[in-house]
N, C-alpha and C. Protein backbone atom coordinates (compact mmCIF):
# COMPACT_ATOMS: atom_id res chain seq x y z
N MET A 1 19.26 81.53 -14.49
CA MET A 1 19.28 79.85 -15.20
C MET A 1 20.06 79.27 -14.64
N ARG A 2 21.48 79.39 -14.52
CA ARG A 2 22.46 77.96 -14.01
C ARG A 2 22.05 78.78 -12.20
N LYS A 3 21.99 79.80 -11.70
CA LYS A 3 20.90 79.72 -10.42
C LYS A 3 20.31 78.34 -9.92
N SER A 4 19.36 78.86 -10.79
CA SER A 4 17.77 77.89 -10.80
C SER A 4 18.22 76.34 -10.77
N VAL A 5 19.54 75.87 -11.14
CA VAL A 5 19.60 74.93 -11.65
C VAL A 5 20.70 74.53 -10.31
N LEU A 6 21.03 75.51 -9.58
CA LEU A 6 22.33 74.74 -8.95
C LEU A 6 21.39 75.00 -7.31
N VAL A 7 19.98 75.39 -7.36
CA VAL A 7 19.30 75.46 -6.25
C VAL A 7 18.49 73.92 -6.28
N LEU A 8 18.09 73.61 -7.54
CA LEU A 8 17.36 72.26 -7.61
C LEU A 8 18.46 71.55 -7.32
N VAL A 9 19.21 71.64 -7.51
CA VAL A 9 20.74 70.96 -7.41
C VAL A 9 21.12 70.12 -5.37
N ALA A 10 20.81 71.28 -5.39
CA ALA A 10 21.29 71.88 -3.20
C ALA A 10 19.99 70.94 -2.80
N VAL A 11 18.78 71.44 -3.16
CA VAL A 11 18.04 70.85 -2.43
C VAL A 11 17.17 69.57 -2.52
N GLY A 12 17.97 68.62 -3.85
CA GLY A 12 17.95 66.79 -4.16
C GLY A 12 18.46 66.67 -3.60
N VAL A 13 20.10 67.59 -3.36
CA VAL A 13 21.29 66.64 -1.24
C VAL A 13 20.57 66.60 -0.58
N PHE A 14 20.14 68.17 -0.38
CA PHE A 14 19.14 67.98 1.55
C PHE A 14 18.08 67.07 1.41
N SER A 15 17.88 66.59 0.47
CA SER A 15 15.98 65.73 0.03
C SER A 15 17.09 64.21 0.45
N SER A 16 17.37 64.19 0.30
CA SER A 16 18.10 62.91 -0.23
C SER A 16 18.81 62.77 1.05
N ILE A 17 19.58 63.56 2.11
CA ILE A 17 19.89 62.98 3.38
C ILE A 17 18.90 63.28 4.47
N CYS A 18 17.87 64.03 4.29
CA CYS A 18 16.72 64.39 5.24
C CYS A 18 16.33 62.74 4.97
N SER A 19 15.98 61.63 3.58
CA SER A 19 15.77 61.19 3.62
C SER A 19 16.11 59.79 3.86
N ALA A 20 17.87 60.47 3.92
CA ALA A 20 18.19 58.96 4.76
C ALA A 20 17.93 59.43 6.60
N LEU A 21 17.25 60.00 6.64
CA LEU A 21 17.49 60.03 8.76
C LEU A 21 16.77 58.29 9.14
N PRO A 22 17.15 57.85 10.38
CA PRO A 22 16.38 56.83 10.76
C PRO A 22 14.35 57.47 11.25
N ALA A 23 13.50 57.08 10.77
CA ALA A 23 12.59 57.51 10.69
C ALA A 23 12.37 58.75 12.64
N TYR A 24 12.99 57.64 13.52
CA TYR A 24 12.51 58.27 14.79
C TYR A 24 13.26 59.38 14.43
N ILE A 25 14.22 60.00 14.31
CA ILE A 25 14.67 61.61 13.79
C ILE A 25 13.99 61.88 12.93
N ASP A 26 13.04 61.37 11.49
CA ASP A 26 12.94 62.45 10.64
C ASP A 26 11.63 62.75 11.01
N GLN A 27 10.65 61.80 11.65
CA GLN A 27 9.00 61.88 12.31
C GLN A 27 9.56 62.17 14.08
N ASN A 28 10.65 62.70 14.41
CA ASN A 28 10.55 63.55 15.57
C ASN A 28 9.53 62.36 16.68
N LEU A 29 10.03 61.38 16.85
CA LEU A 29 9.87 60.17 18.34
C LEU A 29 11.00 61.11 19.27
N MET A 30 12.27 61.07 18.59
CA MET A 30 13.21 60.40 19.77
C MET A 30 13.32 62.38 20.16
N SER A 31 13.70 61.91 21.81
CA SER A 31 13.24 63.30 21.93
C SER A 31 14.20 64.27 22.98
N TRP A 32 15.92 63.95 22.16
CA TRP A 32 17.14 64.57 22.03
C TRP A 32 16.84 64.88 20.75
N GLN A 33 18.62 65.17 20.75
CA GLN A 33 19.39 65.29 19.56
C GLN A 33 20.36 65.28 19.25
N ARG A 34 20.77 65.03 17.83
CA ARG A 34 22.11 63.66 18.36
C ARG A 34 23.43 65.01 18.84
N GLY A 35 24.39 64.38 19.37
CA GLY A 35 25.08 65.55 19.94
C GLY A 35 24.93 66.16 21.23
N ASP A 36 23.89 65.81 21.24
CA ASP A 36 23.28 66.21 23.38
C ASP A 36 24.22 65.64 24.64
N ALA A 37 24.49 65.97 25.01
CA ALA A 37 25.42 65.87 26.07
C ALA A 37 24.52 63.85 27.12
N GLY A 38 25.66 63.62 26.71
CA GLY A 38 24.76 62.29 27.24
C GLY A 38 24.94 60.99 26.56
N SER A 39 24.92 61.40 25.15
CA SER A 39 23.59 60.90 23.64
C SER A 39 25.21 60.03 22.46
N THR A 40 24.51 58.76 22.25
CA THR A 40 25.67 58.15 20.82
C THR A 40 24.45 57.94 20.10
N TRP A 41 25.14 57.85 18.80
CA TRP A 41 24.26 57.87 17.53
C TRP A 41 25.91 57.08 16.51
N GLN A 42 25.14 55.66 15.90
CA GLN A 42 25.65 54.53 15.37
C GLN A 42 25.09 54.31 13.82
N ASP A 43 25.41 54.59 12.30
CA ASP A 43 24.66 54.21 11.33
C ASP A 43 25.46 53.14 11.02
N TRP A 44 25.00 52.34 10.15
CA TRP A 44 25.83 50.76 9.48
C TRP A 44 25.09 51.36 8.22
N THR A 45 25.88 51.83 7.05
CA THR A 45 24.89 51.97 5.79
C THR A 45 25.13 51.01 4.43
N PHE A 46 26.36 50.25 5.05
CA PHE A 46 26.79 49.16 4.10
C PHE A 46 27.18 49.42 2.84
N ASP A 47 27.19 50.64 1.78
CA ASP A 47 27.69 51.28 1.29
C ASP A 47 28.42 50.94 0.42
N ASN A 48 29.49 50.24 0.91
CA ASN A 48 30.68 49.05 0.18
C ASN A 48 30.78 47.71 1.10
N GLY A 49 32.18 46.95 0.40
CA GLY A 49 31.55 45.48 0.48
C GLY A 49 32.70 45.41 2.39
N ASN A 50 33.49 46.88 2.39
CA ASN A 50 34.44 46.64 3.72
C ASN A 50 33.69 45.87 4.92
N ASN A 51 34.60 45.44 5.60
CA ASN A 51 34.49 45.08 6.67
C ASN A 51 33.53 46.18 7.61
N PRO A 52 31.97 45.41 7.79
CA PRO A 52 30.73 46.00 8.26
C PRO A 52 30.84 45.94 9.31
N SER A 53 31.71 45.99 10.26
CA SER A 53 31.68 45.66 11.82
C SER A 53 31.95 47.18 12.07
N VAL A 54 32.75 48.29 11.62
CA VAL A 54 32.62 49.39 12.44
C VAL A 54 31.47 50.29 11.80
N PRO A 55 30.53 50.92 12.61
CA PRO A 55 29.47 52.05 11.55
C PRO A 55 29.89 52.74 10.74
N ASP A 56 28.99 52.81 9.78
CA ASP A 56 30.27 53.81 8.50
C ASP A 56 29.90 55.67 8.47
N ASN A 57 29.29 56.36 9.88
CA ASN A 57 28.76 57.02 10.95
C ASN A 57 28.85 57.08 12.21
N TYR A 58 29.34 57.44 12.97
CA TYR A 58 29.10 57.17 13.89
C TYR A 58 29.65 58.16 15.23
N PHE A 59 28.94 58.50 16.68
CA PHE A 59 29.56 59.64 17.85
C PHE A 59 28.91 58.68 18.91
N ASN A 60 30.55 58.15 20.10
CA ASN A 60 30.01 57.43 20.69
C ASN A 60 31.44 57.03 21.63
N PRO A 61 31.98 58.09 23.05
CA PRO A 61 32.93 58.64 23.09
C PRO A 61 32.93 57.52 23.91
N TYR A 62 32.70 56.26 24.68
CA TYR A 62 32.46 55.60 25.21
C TYR A 62 33.57 54.72 24.85
N GLY A 63 33.90 53.92 25.62
CA GLY A 63 34.34 52.23 25.27
C GLY A 63 35.48 53.02 25.73
N ASN A 64 36.83 51.55 26.25
CA ASN A 64 37.10 51.50 26.23
C ASN A 64 38.81 50.68 25.67
N PRO A 65 39.73 51.11 24.52
CA PRO A 65 39.83 49.93 23.38
C PRO A 65 41.07 49.15 23.81
N ASN A 66 41.57 49.29 25.14
CA ASN A 66 42.46 48.49 25.65
C ASN A 66 41.96 47.58 26.60
N ASP A 67 40.38 47.40 26.55
CA ASP A 67 39.72 46.33 27.26
C ASP A 67 38.68 45.90 25.91
N ALA A 68 38.99 44.33 26.09
CA ALA A 68 38.42 43.21 25.34
C ALA A 68 36.28 43.53 25.00
N THR A 69 35.96 43.29 26.52
CA THR A 69 34.63 43.31 27.27
C THR A 69 34.61 44.82 26.75
N MET A 70 35.32 45.94 26.17
CA MET A 70 34.97 47.39 26.47
C MET A 70 35.23 48.52 25.38
N PHE A 71 35.26 47.96 24.47
CA PHE A 71 35.75 48.61 23.13
C PHE A 71 34.47 49.39 22.16
N GLY A 72 34.96 50.67 21.21
CA GLY A 72 33.68 51.40 20.12
C GLY A 72 32.37 49.93 20.24
N PRO A 73 31.52 50.88 19.39
CA PRO A 73 30.09 50.31 18.77
C PRO A 73 30.88 49.79 17.20
N VAL A 74 30.32 48.21 18.07
CA VAL A 74 30.79 46.87 16.75
C VAL A 74 29.35 45.69 16.41
N ILE A 75 29.45 45.92 14.85
CA ILE A 75 28.50 44.69 14.62
C ILE A 75 28.82 43.54 14.04
N ASN A 76 28.65 42.29 14.31
CA ASN A 76 29.41 41.25 13.68
C ASN A 76 28.42 40.31 13.05
N PHE A 77 28.70 39.84 12.44
CA PHE A 77 27.64 38.43 12.09
C PHE A 77 27.71 36.98 11.61
N THR A 78 27.13 36.56 11.99
CA THR A 78 27.36 34.86 12.19
C THR A 78 25.91 34.27 11.26
N GLY A 79 26.54 33.14 11.22
CA GLY A 79 25.43 32.26 10.62
C GLY A 79 25.11 30.81 12.07
N GLU A 80 23.48 30.63 12.02
CA GLU A 80 22.73 30.34 13.14
C GLU A 80 23.51 28.85 14.02
N ASP A 81 25.13 28.72 12.67
CA ASP A 81 26.01 27.84 13.45
C ASP A 81 27.40 28.34 13.55
N GLY A 82 27.60 29.77 13.74
CA GLY A 82 28.67 30.49 13.77
C GLY A 82 29.14 30.04 13.33
N SER A 83 29.07 29.69 11.76
CA SER A 83 29.89 30.11 10.05
C SER A 83 29.29 31.26 9.61
N VAL A 84 29.74 31.77 8.24
CA VAL A 84 29.75 33.09 8.49
C VAL A 84 29.34 33.11 6.36
N PRO A 85 28.19 32.52 6.89
CA PRO A 85 27.44 32.01 5.24
C PRO A 85 27.16 33.43 4.59
N PHE A 86 27.64 35.01 4.80
CA PHE A 86 26.85 35.53 4.19
C PHE A 86 28.02 36.70 3.31
N MET A 87 27.52 37.62 2.28
CA MET A 87 28.57 38.47 2.34
C MET A 87 27.92 39.62 1.96
N TRP A 88 28.03 40.27 0.77
CA TRP A 88 27.81 41.50 0.66
C TRP A 88 28.05 41.84 -0.84
N LYS A 89 26.70 42.61 -1.63
CA LYS A 89 26.17 42.74 -3.07
C LYS A 89 25.29 43.71 -2.78
N ASP A 90 25.43 44.78 -3.87
CA ASP A 90 24.79 45.84 -4.59
C ASP A 90 24.44 46.41 -2.60
N GLY A 91 25.69 47.07 -1.83
CA GLY A 91 25.05 47.89 -1.21
C GLY A 91 24.23 47.02 0.27
N VAL A 92 23.97 45.83 0.12
CA VAL A 92 23.69 45.19 1.12
C VAL A 92 24.54 44.34 1.82
N TRP A 93 23.75 43.74 3.65
CA TRP A 93 24.36 41.90 3.76
C TRP A 93 22.71 41.28 3.27
N MET A 94 23.36 40.14 3.05
CA MET A 94 22.65 39.23 2.58
C MET A 94 23.20 37.67 3.50
N GLY A 95 22.68 36.82 3.75
CA GLY A 95 22.80 34.88 3.86
C GLY A 95 21.06 34.60 4.39
N ASP A 96 21.73 33.21 4.67
CA ASP A 96 20.66 32.27 5.08
C ASP A 96 20.95 31.50 5.96
N PRO A 97 21.24 31.85 7.01
CA PRO A 97 20.51 32.32 7.71
C PRO A 97 21.85 33.80 8.33
N LEU A 98 21.44 35.02 8.55
CA LEU A 98 22.26 36.70 8.62
C LEU A 98 21.82 36.95 10.36
N MET A 99 22.30 36.59 10.38
CA MET A 99 22.48 36.38 12.27
C MET A 99 23.73 38.27 12.98
N ALA A 100 23.34 39.01 13.34
CA ALA A 100 23.90 40.17 14.49
C ALA A 100 23.76 40.19 14.82
N LEU A 101 24.99 40.49 16.35
CA LEU A 101 25.37 40.88 17.21
C LEU A 101 25.90 42.09 17.22
N ILE A 102 25.29 43.39 17.96
CA ILE A 102 25.79 44.68 17.98
C ILE A 102 26.03 44.80 19.91
N GLN A 103 27.16 46.01 19.64
CA GLN A 103 27.70 45.96 20.51
C GLN A 103 27.59 47.86 21.13
N VAL A 104 27.28 48.63 21.72
CA VAL A 104 27.35 49.98 21.84
C VAL A 104 27.99 50.06 23.59
N PRO A 105 29.05 50.86 23.64
CA PRO A 105 29.29 50.96 24.77
C PRO A 105 28.73 52.07 25.48
N ASN A 106 27.88 52.21 26.87
CA ASN A 106 27.44 53.69 27.52
C ASN A 106 28.26 54.01 28.45
N THR A 107 27.99 55.37 28.83
CA THR A 107 29.06 56.06 29.89
C THR A 107 29.03 54.93 30.85
N GLN A 108 30.02 55.53 32.01
CA GLN A 108 29.79 54.44 33.55
C GLN A 108 29.53 55.35 33.89
N ASP A 109 28.61 55.61 34.26
CA ASP A 109 27.71 56.60 35.84
C ASP A 109 26.93 56.24 35.47
N PRO A 110 26.43 55.59 36.77
CA PRO A 110 24.76 54.89 37.45
C PRO A 110 23.97 56.20 36.75
N ASN A 111 23.48 56.65 35.88
CA ASN A 111 22.41 57.12 36.18
C ASN A 111 20.63 56.63 35.83
N PRO A 112 20.27 57.15 36.01
CA PRO A 112 18.69 56.61 36.16
C PRO A 112 18.35 55.79 35.21
N VAL A 113 18.67 56.71 33.78
CA VAL A 113 17.28 55.60 33.07
C VAL A 113 18.88 55.81 31.66
N LYS A 114 18.09 54.76 30.63
CA LYS A 114 18.66 54.57 29.62
C LYS A 114 18.00 54.99 28.27
N TYR A 115 17.96 55.67 27.26
CA TYR A 115 17.02 56.06 26.60
C TYR A 115 17.96 55.14 25.09
N ILE A 116 16.59 54.00 24.30
CA ILE A 116 17.59 53.95 22.81
C ILE A 116 16.25 53.87 21.80
N TRP A 117 16.72 53.81 20.53
CA TRP A 117 16.66 54.15 19.73
C TRP A 117 16.75 53.66 18.38
N PHE A 118 16.27 52.58 17.79
CA PHE A 118 17.08 51.77 16.65
C PHE A 118 16.10 51.17 15.68
N GLU A 119 16.87 50.97 14.51
CA GLU A 119 15.90 51.14 13.07
C GLU A 119 16.77 50.37 12.19
N MET A 120 16.24 49.42 11.77
CA MET A 120 16.66 48.57 10.75
C MET A 120 15.72 48.77 9.60
N LYS A 121 16.90 48.21 8.01
CA LYS A 121 15.37 47.49 7.13
C LYS A 121 16.07 46.80 6.22
N TYR A 122 15.29 45.92 6.15
CA TYR A 122 15.71 44.86 5.66
C TYR A 122 14.35 44.11 4.77
N LYS A 123 14.92 42.93 4.17
CA LYS A 123 13.95 42.21 3.23
C LYS A 123 14.46 40.56 4.09
N MET A 124 13.53 39.99 4.16
CA MET A 124 13.34 38.46 4.78
C MET A 124 12.79 37.48 4.81
N VAL A 125 12.40 36.15 5.46
CA VAL A 125 11.29 34.91 5.04
C VAL A 125 10.71 35.10 6.33
N ASP A 126 11.69 34.30 7.55
CA ASP A 126 11.53 35.14 8.90
C ASP A 126 12.58 35.33 9.96
N MET A 127 12.17 35.77 10.91
CA MET A 127 13.57 37.21 11.47
C MET A 127 13.02 36.89 13.06
N LEU A 128 14.43 36.90 13.84
CA LEU A 128 14.74 36.83 15.15
C LEU A 128 14.62 38.12 15.54
N MET A 129 13.53 38.61 16.24
CA MET A 129 12.89 39.89 16.36
C MET A 129 14.05 40.22 17.13
N PRO A 130 14.95 41.82 17.24
CA PRO A 130 15.65 42.63 17.42
C PRO A 130 15.72 42.25 19.54
N GLU A 131 16.03 42.51 19.86
CA GLU A 131 16.45 42.48 21.27
C GLU A 131 17.16 42.80 22.23
N VAL A 132 17.06 43.99 23.22
CA VAL A 132 18.10 44.87 23.50
C VAL A 132 18.79 43.65 24.98
N SER A 133 19.97 43.51 25.51
CA SER A 133 20.55 43.05 26.48
C SER A 133 21.62 43.49 27.11
N PRO A 134 21.38 44.88 27.86
CA PRO A 134 22.18 44.93 29.19
C PRO A 134 23.40 44.22 29.57
N ALA A 135 24.61 44.72 29.41
CA ALA A 135 25.71 43.99 30.49
C ALA A 135 25.73 43.69 31.57
N GLY A 136 25.12 43.27 32.15
CA GLY A 136 24.92 42.81 34.29
C GLY A 136 23.64 42.08 34.08
N ASN A 137 23.78 42.65 36.01
CA ASN A 137 21.95 41.73 36.42
C ASN A 137 21.01 42.92 36.92
N ASN A 138 20.29 42.90 36.63
CA ASN A 138 19.63 43.97 38.31
C ASN A 138 19.17 45.19 37.38
N PHE A 139 18.38 45.04 35.71
CA PHE A 139 18.59 45.63 34.90
C PHE A 139 16.91 45.68 34.80
N GLN A 140 16.01 47.22 34.14
CA GLN A 140 14.34 46.96 34.20
C GLN A 140 14.45 47.19 32.36
N VAL A 141 14.32 46.48 31.69
CA VAL A 141 13.94 46.40 30.18
C VAL A 141 12.65 46.93 29.79
N GLU A 142 12.51 47.93 29.15
CA GLU A 142 11.21 47.97 28.61
C GLU A 142 11.27 49.01 27.36
N ARG A 143 10.47 47.75 26.35
CA ARG A 143 10.14 48.71 25.27
C ARG A 143 9.08 49.26 24.91
N THR A 144 9.70 50.78 24.53
CA THR A 144 8.04 51.14 24.72
C THR A 144 7.61 51.86 22.93
N TYR A 145 7.94 51.28 22.03
CA TYR A 145 7.90 51.55 20.58
C TYR A 145 8.07 50.73 19.59
N LEU A 146 7.32 49.57 19.21
CA LEU A 146 7.90 49.49 18.39
C LEU A 146 6.52 49.09 16.57
N LYS A 147 7.72 49.40 15.73
CA LYS A 147 6.29 49.91 13.99
C LYS A 147 7.53 49.21 12.72
N ASP A 148 6.26 47.99 12.46
CA ASP A 148 7.11 47.87 10.73
C ASP A 148 6.79 48.31 9.93
N THR A 149 6.74 49.00 8.73
CA THR A 149 6.17 49.39 8.35
C THR A 149 6.80 49.41 7.32
N LEU A 150 6.34 48.96 5.60
CA LEU A 150 6.48 48.05 4.53
C LEU A 150 6.57 48.73 3.11
N THR A 151 8.26 49.66 2.74
CA THR A 151 8.04 50.34 1.45
C THR A 151 7.25 50.12 0.57
N ALA A 152 7.16 51.09 -0.37
CA ALA A 152 6.58 51.05 -1.34
C ALA A 152 7.61 49.26 -2.57
N ASP A 153 8.98 49.10 -2.27
CA ASP A 153 9.87 48.09 -3.03
C ASP A 153 10.12 47.53 -2.09
N ASP A 154 9.49 47.12 -1.49
CA ASP A 154 9.02 45.72 0.02
C ASP A 154 10.07 45.67 0.27
N TRP A 155 11.03 46.77 1.05
CA TRP A 155 11.77 46.27 1.81
C TRP A 155 10.91 46.67 3.68
N HIS A 156 11.33 46.16 4.60
CA HIS A 156 11.07 46.52 5.69
C HIS A 156 11.74 47.63 6.48
N VAL A 157 11.50 48.59 7.81
CA VAL A 157 11.88 49.05 8.43
C VAL A 157 11.24 49.48 9.73
N MET A 158 11.92 48.60 10.68
CA MET A 158 11.68 48.75 11.87
C MET A 158 12.21 49.16 12.53
N THR A 159 11.04 50.30 13.58
CA THR A 159 11.52 51.22 13.85
C THR A 159 11.76 50.83 15.58
N ILE A 160 12.31 51.12 16.80
CA ILE A 160 11.90 50.11 18.39
C ILE A 160 12.92 51.03 19.10
N GLY A 161 12.12 51.96 19.96
CA GLY A 161 12.03 52.38 21.23
C GLY A 161 12.03 51.39 22.50
N TRP A 162 13.32 51.04 23.15
CA TRP A 162 13.61 50.99 24.51
C TRP A 162 13.91 52.46 25.31
N THR A 163 13.55 51.60 27.12
CA THR A 163 14.62 52.03 28.15
C THR A 163 14.91 51.01 28.91
N ILE A 164 16.15 51.65 29.36
CA ILE A 164 17.03 50.76 30.18
C ILE A 164 16.58 51.30 31.88
N LYS A 165 17.03 51.03 32.94
CA LYS A 165 16.92 51.25 34.28
C LYS A 165 17.36 50.21 35.12
N PRO A 166 18.25 50.84 35.52
CA PRO A 166 19.71 51.98 35.09
C PRO A 166 20.20 51.15 34.39
N ASN A 167 20.58 52.69 33.76
CA ASN A 167 21.43 52.75 32.41
C ASN A 167 22.98 51.90 33.11
N PRO A 168 23.10 50.16 31.33
CA PRO A 168 24.60 49.71 32.02
C PRO A 168 25.94 50.22 31.30
N ASN A 169 27.11 49.69 31.48
CA ASN A 169 27.52 50.14 30.94
C ASN A 169 28.41 49.90 29.66
N MET A 170 26.97 48.69 29.41
CA MET A 170 26.79 48.64 27.96
C MET A 170 25.76 47.36 27.35
N GLU A 171 25.22 48.03 26.06
CA GLU A 171 23.94 46.96 26.19
C GLU A 171 24.73 46.30 24.07
N TRP A 172 23.28 44.98 24.30
CA TRP A 172 24.14 44.28 23.10
C TRP A 172 22.77 44.13 22.60
N PHE A 173 22.66 43.94 20.70
CA PHE A 173 21.36 44.49 20.53
C PHE A 173 22.01 42.60 19.08
N SER A 174 20.84 42.03 19.22
CA SER A 174 21.14 41.41 18.54
C SER A 174 19.19 40.52 17.67
N PHE A 175 19.46 39.96 15.89
CA PHE A 175 18.06 39.91 15.56
C PHE A 175 18.96 39.07 14.60
N GLY A 176 17.71 38.17 13.79
CA GLY A 176 18.61 37.40 12.90
C GLY A 176 17.53 37.53 11.74
N LEU A 177 17.60 36.87 10.57
CA LEU A 177 17.21 36.65 8.73
C LEU A 177 17.61 35.69 8.40
N TRP A 178 16.69 34.93 7.91
CA TRP A 178 15.94 33.58 7.83
C TRP A 178 15.36 33.95 6.00
N GLY A 179 15.94 32.63 5.58
CA GLY A 179 15.57 32.43 3.79
C GLY A 179 16.17 33.07 3.39
N THR A 180 15.65 32.26 1.74
CA THR A 180 15.89 33.50 0.94
C THR A 180 15.93 34.34 0.84
N GLY A 181 16.55 35.28 0.21
CA GLY A 181 16.12 36.96 0.50
C GLY A 181 16.01 37.69 1.27
N GLY A 182 17.09 36.94 2.43
CA GLY A 182 17.05 37.29 3.72
C GLY A 182 18.54 38.97 3.47
N PHE A 183 18.08 39.73 3.43
CA PHE A 183 18.87 41.12 3.65
C PHE A 183 18.54 42.07 4.38
N LEU A 184 19.76 42.51 4.43
CA LEU A 184 19.87 44.40 5.51
C LEU A 184 21.04 44.83 4.68
N ASP A 185 20.36 45.98 5.23
CA ASP A 185 20.26 47.28 3.96
C ASP A 185 20.81 48.41 4.77
N SER A 186 20.24 48.49 6.10
CA SER A 186 21.43 49.86 7.28
C SER A 186 20.31 49.44 8.53
N VAL A 187 21.60 49.75 9.60
CA VAL A 187 21.03 50.30 10.87
C VAL A 187 20.74 51.46 11.48
N SER A 188 21.35 51.19 12.46
CA SER A 188 20.76 53.00 13.68
C SER A 188 20.34 52.62 14.54
N ILE A 189 21.85 53.55 14.95
CA ILE A 189 20.91 53.20 17.09
C ILE A 189 21.06 54.80 17.47
N ASP A 190 20.57 54.75 18.10
CA ASP A 190 20.68 56.72 18.61
C ASP A 190 20.63 55.84 20.70
N THR A 191 21.47 56.74 21.48
CA THR A 191 21.08 56.01 23.02
C THR A 191 21.47 58.04 23.64
N LEU A 192 20.65 57.24 24.81
CA LEU A 192 21.23 58.69 25.64
C LEU A 192 21.39 58.37 26.54
N CYS A 193 22.31 58.43 27.73
CA CYS A 193 22.34 58.65 28.59
C CYS A 193 21.51 59.66 29.79
N THR A 194 20.77 59.64 30.94
CA THR A 194 20.22 61.19 31.15
C THR A 194 20.99 61.51 31.95
N ILE A 195 21.17 62.65 31.90
CA ILE A 195 22.28 63.07 33.92
C ILE A 195 21.74 63.65 34.15
N PRO A 196 21.59 63.34 35.54
CA PRO A 196 21.10 64.40 36.33
C PRO A 196 20.72 65.57 36.65
N GLU A 197 19.93 66.73 36.68
CA GLU A 197 19.96 68.15 36.71
C GLU A 197 20.77 68.79 37.99
N PRO A 198 21.77 70.10 37.34
CA PRO A 198 21.83 70.26 38.61
C PRO A 198 21.60 70.71 40.01
N ALA A 199 20.12 70.59 40.07
CA ALA A 199 19.20 70.74 41.46
C ALA A 199 19.24 69.86 42.15
N THR A 200 19.11 68.71 40.70
CA THR A 200 19.19 67.08 41.48
C THR A 200 19.65 66.73 42.51
N MET A 201 21.42 67.62 41.72
CA MET A 201 23.24 66.42 41.65
C MET A 201 22.56 67.53 43.76
N LEU A 202 22.63 68.56 43.38
CA LEU A 202 22.30 69.86 44.48
C LEU A 202 21.84 69.56 45.64
N MET A 203 20.79 68.71 45.66
CA MET A 203 19.57 68.41 46.46
C MET A 203 20.62 66.66 47.62
N ALA A 204 21.33 65.94 46.67
CA ALA A 204 21.87 64.92 46.51
C ALA A 204 22.96 64.53 47.87
N GLY A 205 23.33 66.10 47.20
CA GLY A 205 24.45 66.81 47.84
C GLY A 205 24.28 66.85 49.69
N LEU A 206 23.04 67.38 49.71
CA LEU A 206 23.10 68.51 50.97
C LEU A 206 22.54 66.94 51.35
N GLY A 207 21.53 66.45 50.77
CA GLY A 207 21.04 64.88 51.85
C GLY A 207 22.04 64.47 52.24
N LEU A 208 23.22 63.91 51.87
CA LEU A 208 24.13 62.95 51.95
C LEU A 208 24.56 63.66 53.20
N GLY A 209 25.15 65.66 53.06
CA GLY A 209 25.54 66.11 53.97
C GLY A 209 25.06 66.25 55.26
N ALA A 210 23.26 66.67 55.24
CA ALA A 210 22.82 66.26 56.49
C ALA A 210 23.06 64.19 57.20
N LEU A 211 22.57 63.72 56.01
CA LEU A 211 23.02 62.40 56.57
C LEU A 211 24.08 62.43 57.37
N ARG A 212 24.96 62.79 57.22
CA ARG A 212 26.17 62.74 57.70
C ARG A 212 26.47 63.22 59.27
N LEU A 213 25.91 64.54 59.21
CA LEU A 213 26.03 65.36 60.46
C LEU A 213 24.81 65.21 61.49
N PHE A 214 23.99 64.33 61.14
CA PHE A 214 22.59 63.41 61.54
C PHE A 214 23.39 62.05 63.01
N ARG A 215 24.87 61.94 62.23
CA ARG A 215 25.05 60.38 62.45
C ARG A 215 26.38 60.44 63.32
N LYS A 216 26.65 62.24 63.45
CA LYS A 216 28.34 62.43 64.16
C LYS A 216 27.36 62.65 65.05
N ARG A 217 26.10 63.92 65.26
CA ARG A 217 25.70 63.82 66.25
C ARG A 217 25.26 62.62 67.42
N ASN A 218 24.96 61.63 66.31
CA ASN A 218 24.32 60.30 67.40
C ASN A 218 25.23 59.97 67.52
């Protein structure tokens, strides 16, 4: 009997962990695993009233704590006029309006593509759609996926996929919630900077070597 109870408890805990995963992981929309080379992940759950800037759980080895423009993943809230009319209550952040700006640093290597999955759980009357803005110029941003699901308890779960070519050394995510009942329950962001395959790097090296040899001969 006791073993059965322990099994049921273990199953319940495992189910709660799985249900807490972003939909892009739970539904196998993301093509890589958390922890793969070149990947980052950051989750804000707002489970307590502590400073919500730093993610509750994250892995992001990039950024420079000595550089104010290149530190780790953070989320900042402000009002529309720059004030701070938001507050934490019962595991969510609320405000009217509630503006969010999230910074996620990347690798400094000029890899060809950056893949992004973003998800937020929220309630609102009006909304400023989430956008991603690379730090710098000459980047191609494409939204590859968008789905907004309404749960049984009237929460929205918005899932978005983006690609950025080439990868920037940092990107900013922004969105806003307006109206009575503007609540933010969670935010998750997973990213992957593609790393050239060894064969590709070898071919590139051979190409540069051949070019140098050709220049010397001519």
